[in-house]
C-alpha atoms as a PDB file:
ATOM      1  CA  MET A   1      20.533  35.829  12.266  1.00  0.00           C
ATOM      2  CA  GLU A   2      22.922  35.281   9.471  1.00  0.00           C
ATOM      3  CA  PRO A   3      21.743  33.281   6.455  1.00  0.00           C
ATOM      4  CA  ASN A   4      24.666  30.852   6.774  1.00  0.00           C
ATOM      5  CA  TYR A   5      24.066  30.216  10.491  1.00  0.00           C
ATOM      6  CA  LYS A   6      23.249  26.606  11.311  1.00  0.00           C
ATOM      7  CA  ASP A   7      21.759  25.713  14.653  1.00  0.00           C
ATOM      8  CA  ARG A   8      23.626  22.631  15.825  1.00  0.00           C
ATOM      9  CA  SER A   9      21.393  22.046  18.856  1.00  0.00           C
ATOM     10  CA  VAL A  10      18.410  20.781  16.864  1.00  0.00           C
ATOM     11  CA  GLU A  11      17.951  17.028  16.920  1.00  0.00           C
ATOM     12  CA  VAL A  12      16.212  15.403  13.999  1.00  0.00           C
ATOM     13  CA  GLU A  13      14.099  12.409  14.859  1.00  0.00           C
ATOM     14  CA  ARG A  14      13.955   9.792  12.144  1.00  0.00           C
ATOM     15  CA  THR A  15      11.389   7.048  12.074  1.00  0.00           C
ATOM     16  CA  GLU A  16      11.328   4.042   9.814  1.00  0.00           C
ATOM     17  CA  VAL A  17       7.996   2.727   8.631  1.00  0.00           C
ATOM     18  CA  GLN A  18       7.935  -0.945   7.795  1.00  0.00           C
ATOM     19  CA  LYS A  19       5.034  -2.275   5.808  1.00  0.00           C
ATOM     20  CA  LYS A  20       3.697  -5.548   7.135  1.00  0.00           C
ATOM     21  CA  SER A  21       1.701  -7.732   4.792  1.00  0.00           C
ATOM     22  CA  ASP A  22      -0.396 -10.611   5.957  1.00  0.00           C
ATOM     23  CA  SER A  23       0.180 -13.486   3.560  1.00  0.00           C
ATOM     24  CA  SER A  24      -3.227 -15.021   4.281  1.00  0.00           C
ATOM     25  CA  VAL A  25      -4.968 -11.831   3.106  1.00  0.00           C
ATOM     26  CA  VAL A  26      -2.843 -11.793  -0.049  1.00  0.00           C
ATOM     27  CA  ALA A  27      -3.604 -15.457  -0.744  1.00  0.00           C
ATOM     28  CA  SER A  28      -7.346 -15.072  -0.220  1.00  0.00           C
ATOM     29  CA  THR A  29      -7.418 -12.029  -2.509  1.00  0.00           C
ATOM     30  CA  PHE A  30      -5.538 -13.972  -5.184  1.00  0.00           C
ATOM     31  CA  ILE A  31      -7.990 -16.887  -4.895  1.00  0.00           C
ATOM     32  CA  LYS A  32     -10.954 -14.505  -5.132  1.00  0.00           C
ATOM     33  CA  TYR A  33      -9.724 -12.838  -8.308  1.00  0.00           C
ATOM     34  CA  ALA A  34      -8.687 -16.196  -9.817  1.00  0.00           C
ATOM     35  CA  ALA A  35     -12.265 -17.389  -9.253  1.00  0.00           C
ATOM     36  CA  TYR A  36     -13.578 -14.250 -10.977  1.00  0.00           C
ATOM     37  CA  LEU A  37     -11.362 -14.976 -13.979  1.00  0.00           C
ATOM     38  CA  ILE A  38     -12.442 -18.623 -14.168  1.00  0.00           C
ATOM     39  CA  ILE A  39     -16.120 -17.628 -14.055  1.00  0.00           C
ATOM     40  CA  PHE A  40     -15.564 -14.932 -16.695  1.00  0.00           C
ATOM     41  CA  PHE A  41     -13.772 -17.271 -19.103  1.00  0.00           C
ATOM     42  CA  GLY A  42     -16.333 -20.014 -18.410  1.00  0.00           C
ATOM     43  CA  LEU A  43     -19.125 -17.642 -19.370  1.00  0.00           C
ATOM     44  CA  LEU A  44     -17.207 -16.562 -22.460  1.00  0.00           C
ATOM     45  CA  PHE A  45     -16.666 -20.210 -23.456  1.00  0.00           C
ATOM     46  CA  PHE A  46     -20.365 -20.938 -22.980  1.00  0.00           C
ATOM     47  CA  LEU A  47     -21.330 -18.006 -25.188  1.00  0.00           C
ATOM     48  CA  VAL A  48     -18.929 -18.955 -27.982  1.00  0.00           C
ATOM     49  CA  LYS A  49     -19.642 -22.706 -27.869  1.00  0.00           C
ATOM     50  CA  TYR A  50     -23.420 -22.788 -27.413  1.00  0.00           C
ATOM     51  CA  ILE A  51     -25.031 -19.394 -27.977  1.00  0.00           C
ATOM     52  CA  PHE A  52     -23.215 -17.955 -31.013  1.00  0.00           C
ATOM     53  CA  PRO A  53     -23.738 -21.072 -33.207  1.00  0.00           C
ATOM     54  CA  LEU A  54     -27.518 -20.581 -32.847  1.00  0.00           C
ATOM     55  CA  PHE A  55     -27.337 -17.422 -34.978  1.00  0.00           C
END
């Protein structure tokens, strides 16, 4: 075959992938990590306010 020969009989199948996101999963994940942050900063506040002044 020639290098410039193009086979016109080949059909290319194209598929589109759409990402579906469940908003309830996103919301629950956000609430979980927000709770982690609140606990972390609460612990930090406790250390600074009550434990560090003892030294």
